[in-house]
Amino acid sequence: MARPAARRTIENAVRRLGFARVAGVDEVGRGCLAGPVVTAAVVLDPARHVPGVRDSKLLTAAARERLYDRIVAAAAGWGLAWASPATIDQLNIHRATLFAMQEAVMGLVPLPDFVLVDGFRLHGLALPQRRVVGGDRRCAAIAAASIVAKVTRDRYMRELHDRDPRYGFDRHKGYATAAHLAAVSRFGYSGVHRQSFRPPSLFDTLD
């Protein structure tokens, strides 16, 4: 059975309050051992509906690629920002993610009138905003952002695999799968691994 698409109910309610450009913001890669966190901000055009937009985790890789192309073509605006492994190690994952989310929003031209954020509140953002728990499943703009961020990050992780195929980034995208942990046990952490992320299962093999 097909998973339900995210709805525009929240965006429409915000627009009825007088906010025309409503951005959805989401991130991908928080729980990975390697690679960046990628954040995206998307302003959907109410006049250009993109059918099938839903949480990126509910879509196949091929479906995400198709929807990515449709979203960036039809959106009234979209932007990306990254938090590198070094930034994550320096700031911690939570702060690095929030900074990247804010950068994605502030990179939109023109700026949005209102921001819907998946799961977080962006402290210091000088724009009206709302934290939406489970937003990537409930809110079309946030779901669109999740797709743009996921496709962008997956493409980058495949590039990292081409540079260094030892870890299998093309398959697990940096998440802590058994194959990834086995590769780390054999080769150690690479320059694209987050040095502050140390799964307990690796303590014995890396000490």
N, C-alpha and C. Protein backbone atom coordinates (compact mmCIF):
# COMPACT_ATOMS: atom_id res chain seq x y z
N MET A 1 0.86 -1.19 0.00
CA MET A 1 0.00 0.00 0.00
C MET A 1 0.89 1.24 0.00
N ALA A 2 0.57 2.22 -0.83
CA ALA A 2 1.37 3.43 -0.93
C ALA A 2 1.27 4.24 0.36
N ARG A 3 2.39 4.80 0.80
CA ARG A 3 2.40 5.66 1.97
C ARG A 3 1.75 6.99 1.62
N PRO A 4 1.00 7.57 2.56
CA PRO A 4 0.32 8.84 2.25
C PRO A 4 1.31 9.96 2.02
N ALA A 5 0.98 10.83 1.08
CA ALA A 5 1.81 11.99 0.80
C ALA A 5 1.66 13.01 1.92
N ALA A 6 2.69 13.81 2.13
CA ALA A 6 2.60 14.91 3.08
C ALA A 6 1.60 15.94 2.57
N ARG A 7 0.92 16.60 3.47
CA ARG A 7 -0.15 17.51 3.10
C ARG A 7 0.30 18.97 3.20
N ARG A 8 -0.48 19.84 2.58
CA ARG A 8 -0.20 21.28 2.61
C ARG A 8 -0.99 22.00 3.69
N THR A 9 -1.63 21.26 4.58
CA THR A 9 -2.53 21.86 5.56
C THR A 9 -1.83 22.92 6.40
N ILE A 10 -0.63 22.61 6.89
CA ILE A 10 0.07 23.54 7.77
C ILE A 10 0.49 24.79 6.99
N GLU A 11 1.09 24.59 5.79
CA GLU A 11 1.48 25.75 4.97
C GLU A 11 0.27 26.63 4.65
N ASN A 12 -0.84 26.00 4.29
CA ASN A 12 -2.02 26.78 3.92
C ASN A 12 -2.53 27.60 5.10
N ALA A 13 -2.49 27.02 6.30
CA ALA A 13 -2.92 27.75 7.50
C ALA A 13 -2.02 28.96 7.73
N VAL A 14 -0.72 28.79 7.52
CA VAL A 14 0.22 29.90 7.69
C VAL A 14 -0.05 30.98 6.62
N ARG A 15 -0.31 30.55 5.38
CA ARG A 15 -0.58 31.53 4.32
C ARG A 15 -1.84 32.33 4.61
N ARG A 16 -2.82 31.68 5.20
CA ARG A 16 -4.06 32.41 5.53
C ARG A 16 -3.82 33.51 6.56
N LEU A 17 -2.72 33.42 7.29
CA LEU A 17 -2.36 34.46 8.24
C LEU A 17 -1.64 35.63 7.56
N GLY A 18 -1.38 35.49 6.26
CA GLY A 18 -0.76 36.57 5.51
C GLY A 18 0.68 36.35 5.13
N PHE A 19 1.23 35.18 5.41
CA PHE A 19 2.62 34.88 5.05
C PHE A 19 2.62 34.18 3.69
N ALA A 20 3.22 34.81 2.68
CA ALA A 20 3.14 34.30 1.32
C ALA A 20 4.20 33.23 1.03
N ARG A 21 5.44 33.49 1.46
CA ARG A 21 6.55 32.58 1.17
C ARG A 21 6.85 31.74 2.41
N VAL A 22 6.38 30.50 2.42
CA VAL A 22 6.52 29.61 3.57
C VAL A 22 7.56 28.55 3.25
N ALA A 23 8.64 28.54 3.99
CA ALA A 23 9.72 27.59 3.76
C ALA A 23 9.61 26.40 4.71
N GLY A 24 9.92 25.22 4.19
CA GLY A 24 10.08 24.04 5.01
C GLY A 24 11.56 23.71 5.11
N VAL A 25 12.02 23.28 6.28
CA VAL A 25 13.44 23.01 6.51
C VAL A 25 13.60 21.63 7.13
N ASP A 26 14.57 20.87 6.61
CA ASP A 26 14.87 19.55 7.18
C ASP A 26 16.35 19.24 7.00
N GLU A 27 16.81 18.19 7.67
CA GLU A 27 18.21 17.77 7.62
C GLU A 27 18.30 16.28 7.34
N VAL A 28 19.47 15.87 6.87
CA VAL A 28 19.76 14.46 6.65
C VAL A 28 21.19 14.20 7.12
N GLY A 29 21.39 13.08 7.79
CA GLY A 29 22.74 12.64 8.13
C GLY A 29 23.15 12.85 9.57
N ARG A 30 22.24 13.21 10.45
CA ARG A 30 22.62 13.45 11.85
C ARG A 30 23.23 12.22 12.50
N GLY A 31 22.71 11.05 12.19
CA GLY A 31 23.14 9.85 12.89
C GLY A 31 24.27 9.09 12.24
N CYS A 32 24.91 9.66 11.26
CA CYS A 32 25.97 8.96 10.53
C CYS A 32 27.31 9.04 11.24
N LEU A 33 28.17 8.08 10.96
CA LEU A 33 29.54 8.11 11.44
C LEU A 33 30.43 8.95 10.53
N ALA A 34 30.05 9.09 9.27
CA ALA A 34 30.90 9.76 8.29
C ALA A 34 30.07 10.67 7.41
N GLY A 35 30.75 11.66 6.84
CA GLY A 35 30.10 12.58 5.93
C GLY A 35 29.42 13.72 6.65
N PRO A 36 28.91 14.68 5.90
CA PRO A 36 28.30 15.88 6.48
C PRO A 36 26.84 15.65 6.87
N VAL A 37 26.33 16.58 7.65
CA VAL A 37 24.89 16.80 7.74
C VAL A 37 24.53 17.76 6.61
N VAL A 38 23.52 17.42 5.84
CA VAL A 38 23.04 18.30 4.77
C VAL A 38 21.65 18.79 5.14
N THR A 39 21.45 20.10 5.05
CA THR A 39 20.14 20.68 5.34
C THR A 39 19.60 21.35 4.08
N ALA A 40 18.28 21.38 3.97
CA ALA A 40 17.64 22.02 2.82
C ALA A 40 16.47 22.86 3.31
N ALA A 41 16.24 23.95 2.60
CA ALA A 41 15.06 24.79 2.81
C ALA A 41 14.35 24.92 1.48
N VAL A 42 13.05 24.68 1.46
CA VAL A 42 12.27 24.70 0.22
C VAL A 42 11.01 25.54 0.42
N VAL A 43 10.77 26.44 -0.52
CA VAL A 43 9.51 27.19 -0.57
C VAL A 43 8.72 26.63 -1.75
N LEU A 44 7.65 25.92 -1.47
CA LEU A 44 6.84 25.37 -2.54
C LEU A 44 5.95 26.46 -3.14
N ASP A 45 5.74 26.37 -4.43
CA ASP A 45 4.85 27.29 -5.13
C ASP A 45 3.43 26.74 -5.05
N PRO A 46 2.50 27.46 -4.41
CA PRO A 46 1.13 26.94 -4.29
C PRO A 46 0.48 26.65 -5.63
N ALA A 47 0.94 27.31 -6.69
CA ALA A 47 0.33 27.14 -8.02
C ALA A 47 0.95 26.00 -8.81
N ARG A 48 2.01 25.39 -8.29
CA ARG A 48 2.71 24.32 -9.04
C ARG A 48 2.85 23.10 -8.13
N HIS A 49 1.80 22.32 -8.06
CA HIS A 49 1.76 21.15 -7.19
C HIS A 49 2.70 20.06 -7.70
N VAL A 50 3.46 19.47 -6.78
CA VAL A 50 4.33 18.34 -7.09
C VAL A 50 3.73 17.11 -6.41
N PRO A 51 3.06 16.23 -7.15
CA PRO A 51 2.41 15.08 -6.51
C PRO A 51 3.43 14.08 -5.99
N GLY A 52 3.05 13.40 -4.91
CA GLY A 52 3.87 12.32 -4.39
C GLY A 52 4.92 12.72 -3.39
N VAL A 53 4.98 14.00 -3.02
CA VAL A 53 5.98 14.44 -2.05
C VAL A 53 5.65 13.88 -0.68
N ARG A 54 6.60 13.17 -0.10
CA ARG A 54 6.45 12.60 1.24
C ARG A 54 7.83 12.49 1.88
N ASP A 55 7.86 12.11 3.12
CA ASP A 55 9.11 11.92 3.85
C ASP A 55 10.08 11.10 3.01
N SER A 56 11.30 11.59 2.86
CA SER A 56 12.27 10.91 2.00
C SER A 56 12.54 9.48 2.44
N LYS A 57 12.37 9.19 3.73
CA LYS A 57 12.63 7.83 4.23
C LYS A 57 11.58 6.84 3.75
N LEU A 58 10.44 7.33 3.26
CA LEU A 58 9.37 6.46 2.79
C LEU A 58 9.45 6.21 1.28
N LEU A 59 10.48 6.73 0.63
CA LEU A 59 10.61 6.64 -0.82
C LEU A 59 11.81 5.79 -1.21
N THR A 60 11.72 5.16 -2.37
CA THR A 60 12.88 4.48 -2.92
C THR A 60 13.88 5.52 -3.43
N ALA A 61 15.12 5.08 -3.65
CA ALA A 61 16.14 6.00 -4.16
C ALA A 61 15.72 6.56 -5.52
N ALA A 62 15.15 5.72 -6.38
CA ALA A 62 14.74 6.18 -7.70
C ALA A 62 13.61 7.20 -7.60
N ALA A 63 12.67 6.97 -6.69
CA ALA A 63 11.56 7.92 -6.52
C ALA A 63 12.07 9.24 -5.97
N ARG A 64 13.02 9.19 -5.05
CA ARG A 64 13.59 10.44 -4.53
C ARG A 64 14.27 11.25 -5.64
N GLU A 65 15.00 10.57 -6.50
CA GLU A 65 15.67 11.27 -7.59
C GLU A 65 14.66 11.96 -8.50
N ARG A 66 13.58 11.24 -8.85
CA ARG A 66 12.55 11.83 -9.71
C ARG A 66 11.91 13.04 -9.05
N LEU A 67 11.58 12.90 -7.76
CA LEU A 67 10.92 14.00 -7.06
C LEU A 67 11.87 15.18 -6.84
N TYR A 68 13.14 14.89 -6.62
CA TYR A 68 14.12 15.97 -6.50
C TYR A 68 14.07 16.87 -7.72
N ASP A 69 14.12 16.26 -8.90
CA ASP A 69 14.10 17.06 -10.14
C ASP A 69 12.83 17.89 -10.24
N ARG A 70 11.70 17.29 -9.87
CA ARG A 70 10.43 18.01 -9.96
C ARG A 70 10.34 19.13 -8.94
N ILE A 71 10.86 18.87 -7.74
CA ILE A 71 10.78 19.88 -6.68
C ILE A 71 11.62 21.10 -7.03
N VAL A 72 12.88 20.89 -7.43
CA VAL A 72 13.74 22.05 -7.70
C VAL A 72 13.27 22.82 -8.94
N ALA A 73 12.59 22.13 -9.85
CA ALA A 73 12.06 22.82 -11.03
C ALA A 73 10.82 23.64 -10.71
N ALA A 74 10.00 23.15 -9.79
CA ALA A 74 8.72 23.80 -9.52
C ALA A 74 8.74 24.73 -8.32
N ALA A 75 9.71 24.60 -7.43
CA ALA A 75 9.72 25.37 -6.19
C ALA A 75 9.87 26.87 -6.46
N ALA A 76 9.29 27.66 -5.55
CA ALA A 76 9.48 29.11 -5.60
C ALA A 76 10.85 29.50 -5.07
N GLY A 77 11.52 28.58 -4.41
CA GLY A 77 12.87 28.81 -3.91
C GLY A 77 13.37 27.58 -3.17
N TRP A 78 14.67 27.35 -3.23
CA TRP A 78 15.25 26.25 -2.45
C TRP A 78 16.73 26.54 -2.22
N GLY A 79 17.23 26.02 -1.11
CA GLY A 79 18.62 26.25 -0.78
C GLY A 79 19.17 25.12 0.07
N LEU A 80 20.50 25.01 0.10
CA LEU A 80 21.19 23.95 0.84
C LEU A 80 22.26 24.55 1.74
N ALA A 81 22.57 23.84 2.81
CA ALA A 81 23.73 24.16 3.64
C ALA A 81 24.25 22.86 4.23
N TRP A 82 25.55 22.85 4.55
CA TRP A 82 26.22 21.64 5.02
C TRP A 82 26.90 21.91 6.35
N ALA A 83 26.98 20.89 7.18
CA ALA A 83 27.86 20.89 8.35
C ALA A 83 28.86 19.78 8.15
N SER A 84 30.11 20.13 7.98
CA SER A 84 31.16 19.15 7.70
C SER A 84 31.47 18.32 8.93
N PRO A 85 32.13 17.17 8.77
CA PRO A 85 32.55 16.39 9.94
C PRO A 85 33.38 17.22 10.92
N ALA A 86 34.28 18.08 10.41
CA ALA A 86 35.09 18.90 11.30
C ALA A 86 34.23 19.87 12.11
N THR A 87 33.23 20.46 11.45
CA THR A 87 32.33 21.37 12.16
C THR A 87 31.52 20.63 13.20
N ILE A 88 31.05 19.45 12.86
CA ILE A 88 30.30 18.63 13.81
C ILE A 88 31.15 18.29 15.03
N ASP A 89 32.41 17.92 14.79
CA ASP A 89 33.30 17.60 15.90
C ASP A 89 33.58 18.82 16.78
N GLN A 90 33.64 19.99 16.15
CA GLN A 90 33.95 21.21 16.88
C GLN A 90 32.77 21.71 17.69
N LEU A 91 31.58 21.70 17.10
CA LEU A 91 30.41 22.33 17.73
C LEU A 91 29.54 21.35 18.50
N ASN A 92 29.50 20.12 18.11
CA ASN A 92 28.62 19.00 18.48
C ASN A 92 27.52 18.90 17.43
N ILE A 93 26.91 17.74 17.33
CA ILE A 93 26.00 17.47 16.22
C ILE A 93 24.76 18.36 16.27
N HIS A 94 24.25 18.62 17.46
CA HIS A 94 23.02 19.41 17.56
C HIS A 94 23.26 20.85 17.10
N ARG A 95 24.29 21.50 17.64
CA ARG A 95 24.56 22.88 17.27
C ARG A 95 24.93 22.99 15.79
N ALA A 96 25.73 22.05 15.29
CA ALA A 96 26.12 22.10 13.89
C ALA A 96 24.91 21.97 12.98
N THR A 97 23.97 21.11 13.35
CA THR A 97 22.75 20.94 12.54
C THR A 97 21.91 22.20 12.54
N LEU A 98 21.73 22.82 13.69
CA LEU A 98 20.92 24.03 13.77
C LEU A 98 21.55 25.17 12.96
N PHE A 99 22.88 25.30 13.05
CA PHE A 99 23.55 26.33 12.26
C PHE A 99 23.35 26.09 10.77
N ALA A 100 23.47 24.84 10.33
CA ALA A 100 23.29 24.55 8.91
C ALA A 100 21.86 24.79 8.47
N MET A 101 20.89 24.44 9.30
CA MET A 101 19.49 24.72 8.97
C MET A 101 19.27 26.22 8.78
N GLN A 102 19.82 27.00 9.69
CA GLN A 102 19.65 28.44 9.59
C GLN A 102 20.33 28.99 8.34
N GLU A 103 21.49 28.45 8.00
CA GLU A 103 22.18 28.89 6.78
C GLU A 103 21.36 28.57 5.54
N ALA A 104 20.71 27.39 5.52
CA ALA A 104 19.89 27.04 4.37
C ALA A 104 18.74 28.03 4.20
N VAL A 105 18.12 28.43 5.32
CA VAL A 105 17.03 29.39 5.26
C VAL A 105 17.53 30.75 4.78
N MET A 106 18.63 31.21 5.36
CA MET A 106 19.12 32.55 5.04
C MET A 106 19.72 32.63 3.64
N GLY A 107 19.96 31.50 3.03
CA GLY A 107 20.44 31.48 1.65
C GLY A 107 19.35 31.61 0.61
N LEU A 108 18.10 31.56 1.04
CA LEU A 108 16.99 31.70 0.10
C LEU A 108 16.88 33.14 -0.38
N VAL A 109 16.64 33.30 -1.67
CA VAL A 109 16.47 34.64 -2.26
C VAL A 109 15.18 34.65 -3.08
N PRO A 110 14.20 35.52 -2.69
CA PRO A 110 14.20 36.32 -1.48
C PRO A 110 13.98 35.45 -0.24
N LEU A 111 14.20 36.05 0.93
CA LEU A 111 13.99 35.32 2.17
C LEU A 111 12.51 34.93 2.33
N PRO A 112 12.25 33.83 3.01
CA PRO A 112 10.85 33.46 3.26
C PRO A 112 10.21 34.40 4.28
N ASP A 113 8.88 34.39 4.30
CA ASP A 113 8.13 35.15 5.30
C ASP A 113 7.95 34.36 6.58
N PHE A 114 7.98 33.02 6.45
CA PHE A 114 7.71 32.15 7.60
C PHE A 114 8.46 30.84 7.36
N VAL A 115 8.90 30.21 8.45
CA VAL A 115 9.72 29.00 8.35
C VAL A 115 9.10 27.89 9.19
N LEU A 116 8.93 26.73 8.58
CA LEU A 116 8.47 25.52 9.26
C LEU A 116 9.66 24.58 9.38
N VAL A 117 10.02 24.21 10.60
CA VAL A 117 11.25 23.46 10.86
C VAL A 117 10.90 22.09 11.41
N ASP A 118 11.49 21.05 10.84
CA ASP A 118 11.23 19.69 11.28
C ASP A 118 11.90 19.43 12.63
N GLY A 119 11.11 19.42 13.69
CA GLY A 119 11.57 18.95 14.98
C GLY A 119 12.34 19.94 15.83
N PHE A 120 12.78 21.06 15.30
CA PHE A 120 13.63 21.98 16.04
C PHE A 120 13.06 23.40 16.00
N ARG A 121 13.58 24.21 16.91
CA ARG A 121 13.39 25.66 16.82
C ARG A 121 14.75 26.27 16.57
N LEU A 122 14.85 27.19 15.61
CA LEU A 122 16.12 27.79 15.24
C LEU A 122 16.30 29.09 16.03
N HIS A 123 16.97 28.98 17.14
CA HIS A 123 17.20 30.14 18.00
C HIS A 123 18.13 31.12 17.28
N GLY A 124 17.75 32.37 17.28
CA GLY A 124 18.55 33.39 16.61
C GLY A 124 18.09 33.68 15.20
N LEU A 125 17.16 32.90 14.66
CA LEU A 125 16.63 33.17 13.33
C LEU A 125 15.65 34.33 13.40
N ALA A 126 15.94 35.40 12.66
CA ALA A 126 15.12 36.61 12.74
C ALA A 126 13.95 36.55 11.78
N LEU A 127 13.27 35.42 11.77
CA LEU A 127 12.08 35.24 10.94
C LEU A 127 11.04 34.48 11.76
N PRO A 128 9.75 34.71 11.51
CA PRO A 128 8.73 33.91 12.18
C PRO A 128 8.92 32.44 11.83
N GLN A 129 8.74 31.57 12.82
CA GLN A 129 8.96 30.15 12.58
C GLN A 129 8.03 29.32 13.46
N ARG A 130 7.93 28.05 13.09
CA ARG A 130 7.18 27.08 13.88
C ARG A 130 7.91 25.76 13.85
N ARG A 131 8.10 25.15 15.00
CA ARG A 131 8.65 23.80 15.10
C ARG A 131 7.52 22.81 14.85
N VAL A 132 7.77 21.87 13.92
CA VAL A 132 6.75 20.88 13.57
C VAL A 132 7.32 19.48 13.87
N VAL A 133 6.82 18.86 14.91
CA VAL A 133 7.28 17.52 15.26
C VAL A 133 6.75 16.54 14.22
N GLY A 134 7.64 15.71 13.69
CA GLY A 134 7.24 14.79 12.63
C GLY A 134 6.89 15.51 11.35
N GLY A 135 7.52 16.67 11.14
CA GLY A 135 7.15 17.52 10.01
C GLY A 135 7.38 16.89 8.65
N ASP A 136 8.39 16.01 8.53
CA ASP A 136 8.66 15.42 7.22
C ASP A 136 7.55 14.48 6.77
N ARG A 137 6.70 14.05 7.69
CA ARG A 137 5.54 13.23 7.30
C ARG A 137 4.25 14.03 7.24
N ARG A 138 4.23 15.17 7.90
CA ARG A 138 2.99 15.94 8.02
C ARG A 138 2.92 17.12 7.08
N CYS A 139 4.06 17.66 6.69
CA CYS A 139 4.10 18.97 6.03
C CYS A 139 4.79 18.85 4.68
N ALA A 140 4.13 19.26 3.60
CA ALA A 140 4.67 19.08 2.25
C ALA A 140 5.98 19.83 2.05
N ALA A 141 6.09 21.06 2.57
CA ALA A 141 7.31 21.83 2.37
C ALA A 141 8.50 21.17 3.08
N ILE A 142 8.27 20.66 4.29
CA ILE A 142 9.34 19.98 5.02
C ILE A 142 9.69 18.67 4.33
N ALA A 143 8.69 17.94 3.86
CA ALA A 143 8.96 16.69 3.13
C ALA A 143 9.77 16.97 1.87
N ALA A 144 9.45 18.05 1.17
CA ALA A 144 10.22 18.41 -0.02
C ALA A 144 11.66 18.71 0.35
N ALA A 145 11.86 19.42 1.47
CA ALA A 145 13.22 19.70 1.93
C ALA A 145 13.95 18.41 2.28
N SER A 146 13.25 17.45 2.87
CA SER A 146 13.90 16.18 3.22
C SER A 146 14.37 15.45 1.98
N ILE A 147 13.61 15.53 0.90
CA ILE A 147 14.01 14.88 -0.36
C ILE A 147 15.22 15.57 -0.97
N VAL A 148 15.19 16.89 -1.01
CA VAL A 148 16.32 17.64 -1.59
C VAL A 148 17.59 17.38 -0.79
N ALA A 149 17.49 17.39 0.53
CA ALA A 149 18.67 17.14 1.36
C ALA A 149 19.17 15.71 1.20
N LYS A 150 18.27 14.75 1.17
CA LYS A 150 18.66 13.34 1.08
C LYS A 150 19.33 13.04 -0.26
N VAL A 151 18.76 13.49 -1.36
CA VAL A 151 19.35 13.23 -2.67
C VAL A 151 20.72 13.90 -2.78
N THR A 152 20.82 15.13 -2.29
CA THR A 152 22.10 15.83 -2.33
C THR A 152 23.16 15.09 -1.54
N ARG A 153 22.81 14.66 -0.35
CA ARG A 153 23.79 13.96 0.49
C ARG A 153 24.18 12.61 -0.08
N ASP A 154 23.19 11.86 -0.59
CA ASP A 154 23.50 10.54 -1.16
C ASP A 154 24.43 10.67 -2.36
N ARG A 155 24.21 11.68 -3.18
CA ARG A 155 25.10 11.89 -4.33
C ARG A 155 26.52 12.19 -3.86
N TYR A 156 26.64 12.99 -2.81
CA TYR A 156 27.97 13.31 -2.29
C TYR A 156 28.65 12.09 -1.69
N MET A 157 27.89 11.27 -0.99
CA MET A 157 28.49 10.07 -0.39
C MET A 157 28.96 9.10 -1.47
N ARG A 158 28.27 9.07 -2.61
CA ARG A 158 28.77 8.24 -3.71
C ARG A 158 30.07 8.81 -4.28
N GLU A 159 30.19 10.14 -4.29
CA GLU A 159 31.45 10.75 -4.70
C GLU A 159 32.57 10.36 -3.74
N LEU A 160 32.29 10.37 -2.44
CA LEU A 160 33.30 9.96 -1.47
C LEU A 160 33.70 8.50 -1.67
N HIS A 161 32.74 7.67 -2.04
CA HIS A 161 33.06 6.27 -2.32
C HIS A 161 34.00 6.16 -3.52
N ASP A 162 33.75 6.95 -4.55
CA ASP A 162 34.62 6.90 -5.72
C ASP A 162 36.06 7.30 -5.37
N ARG A 163 36.21 8.23 -4.41
CA ARG A 163 37.54 8.65 -3.99
C ARG A 163 38.22 7.60 -3.11
N ASP A 164 37.43 6.92 -2.28
CA ASP A 164 37.98 5.94 -1.34
C ASP A 164 36.94 4.83 -1.14
N PRO A 165 37.02 3.75 -1.92
CA PRO A 165 35.99 2.71 -1.88
C PRO A 165 36.10 1.75 -0.70
N ARG A 166 37.07 1.92 0.18
CA ARG A 166 37.27 0.95 1.26
C ARG A 166 36.08 0.83 2.20
N TYR A 167 35.33 1.92 2.39
CA TYR A 167 34.30 1.94 3.43
C TYR A 167 32.90 1.61 2.92
N GLY A 168 32.69 1.63 1.62
CA GLY A 168 31.37 1.32 1.08
C GLY A 168 30.35 2.43 1.27
N PHE A 169 30.80 3.69 1.18
CA PHE A 169 29.87 4.80 1.38
C PHE A 169 28.73 4.80 0.37
N ASP A 170 28.92 4.21 -0.78
CA ASP A 170 27.86 4.18 -1.78
C ASP A 170 26.68 3.33 -1.33
N ARG A 171 26.93 2.40 -0.42
CA ARG A 171 25.86 1.52 0.06
C ARG A 171 25.19 2.05 1.33
N HIS A 172 25.97 2.36 2.35
CA HIS A 172 25.38 2.73 3.65
C HIS A 172 25.33 4.23 3.89
N LYS A 173 25.97 5.02 3.02
CA LYS A 173 25.93 6.48 3.08
C LYS A 173 26.48 7.03 4.40
N GLY A 174 27.34 6.26 5.06
CA GLY A 174 27.97 6.74 6.28
C GLY A 174 27.31 6.29 7.56
N TYR A 175 26.16 5.60 7.48
CA TYR A 175 25.51 5.11 8.68
C TYR A 175 26.27 3.90 9.25
N ALA A 176 26.00 3.60 10.50
CA ALA A 176 26.77 2.59 11.22
C ALA A 176 26.24 1.18 10.97
N THR A 177 26.30 0.74 9.73
CA THR A 177 25.92 -0.63 9.40
C THR A 177 27.04 -1.58 9.82
N ALA A 178 26.73 -2.86 9.83
CA ALA A 178 27.75 -3.85 10.18
C ALA A 178 28.93 -3.79 9.22
N ALA A 179 28.65 -3.62 7.93
CA ALA A 179 29.73 -3.55 6.94
C ALA A 179 30.60 -2.31 7.17
N HIS A 180 29.97 -1.20 7.51
CA HIS A 180 30.73 0.02 7.76
C HIS A 180 31.60 -0.14 9.01
N LEU A 181 31.04 -0.70 10.07
CA LEU A 181 31.82 -0.90 11.30
C LEU A 181 32.98 -1.85 11.07
N ALA A 182 32.75 -2.87 10.24
CA ALA A 182 33.84 -3.79 9.92
C ALA A 182 34.95 -3.08 9.16
N ALA A 183 34.58 -2.20 8.24
CA ALA A 183 35.59 -1.46 7.48
C ALA A 183 36.37 -0.52 8.39
N VAL A 184 35.69 0.13 9.32
CA VAL A 184 36.38 1.02 10.26
C VAL A 184 37.32 0.22 11.16
N SER A 185 36.88 -0.96 11.58
CA SER A 185 37.75 -1.80 12.40
C SER A 185 39.02 -2.19 11.64
N ARG A 186 38.89 -2.36 10.35
CA ARG A 186 40.04 -2.76 9.53
C ARG A 186 40.94 -1.59 9.16
N PHE A 187 40.33 -0.47 8.75
CA PHE A 187 41.10 0.63 8.18
C PHE A 187 41.22 1.84 9.11
N GLY A 188 40.46 1.87 10.20
CA GLY A 188 40.42 3.06 11.03
C GLY A 188 39.53 4.14 10.44
N TYR A 189 39.43 5.26 11.14
CA TYR A 189 38.62 6.37 10.64
C TYR A 189 39.36 7.10 9.53
N SER A 190 38.61 7.56 8.54
CA SER A 190 39.18 8.34 7.44
C SER A 190 39.01 9.83 7.73
N GLY A 191 39.46 10.65 6.83
CA GLY A 191 39.31 12.09 6.98
C GLY A 191 37.89 12.59 6.91
N VAL A 192 36.96 11.77 6.42
CA VAL A 192 35.56 12.19 6.33
C VAL A 192 34.71 11.60 7.44
N HIS A 193 35.34 10.88 8.37
CA HIS A 193 34.62 10.38 9.53
C HIS A 193 34.57 11.45 10.62
N ARG A 194 33.52 11.39 11.42
CA ARG A 194 33.36 12.30 12.55
C ARG A 194 34.13 11.71 13.73
N GLN A 195 35.18 12.35 14.12
CA GLN A 195 36.05 11.80 15.15
C GLN A 195 35.36 11.73 16.51
N SER A 196 34.35 12.56 16.71
CA SER A 196 33.63 12.57 17.98
C SER A 196 32.57 11.49 18.07
N PHE A 197 32.30 10.77 16.96
CA PHE A 197 31.30 9.69 16.96
C PHE A 197 32.02 8.37 17.14
N ARG A 198 31.88 7.76 18.30
CA ARG A 198 32.56 6.51 18.60
C ARG A 198 31.57 5.48 19.12
N PRO A 199 31.01 4.65 18.23
CA PRO A 199 30.07 3.63 18.69
C PRO A 199 30.72 2.71 19.70
N PRO A 200 30.01 2.30 20.76
CA PRO A 200 30.60 1.40 21.75
C PRO A 200 31.19 0.13 21.16
N SER A 201 30.61 -0.37 20.07
CA SER A 201 31.09 -1.61 19.46
C SER A 201 32.48 -1.46 18.87
N LEU A 202 32.94 -0.17 18.72
CA LEU A 202 34.28 0.04 18.13
C LEU A 202 35.35 0.26 19.20
N PHE A 203 34.95 0.44 20.44
CA PHE A 203 35.94 0.81 21.44
C PHE A 203 37.07 -0.20 21.54
N ASP A 204 36.71 -1.49 21.52
CA ASP A 204 37.73 -2.52 21.69
C ASP A 204 38.68 -2.57 20.51
N THR A 205 38.15 -2.32 19.29
CA THR A 205 38.98 -2.49 18.10
C THR A 205 39.81 -1.25 17.77
N LEU A 206 39.38 -0.06 18.27
CA LEU A 206 40.10 1.15 17.93
C LEU A 206 41.05 1.63 19.01
N ASP A 207 40.97 1.09 20.21
CA ASP A 207 41.87 1.52 21.30
C ASP A 207 43.25 0.93 21.11
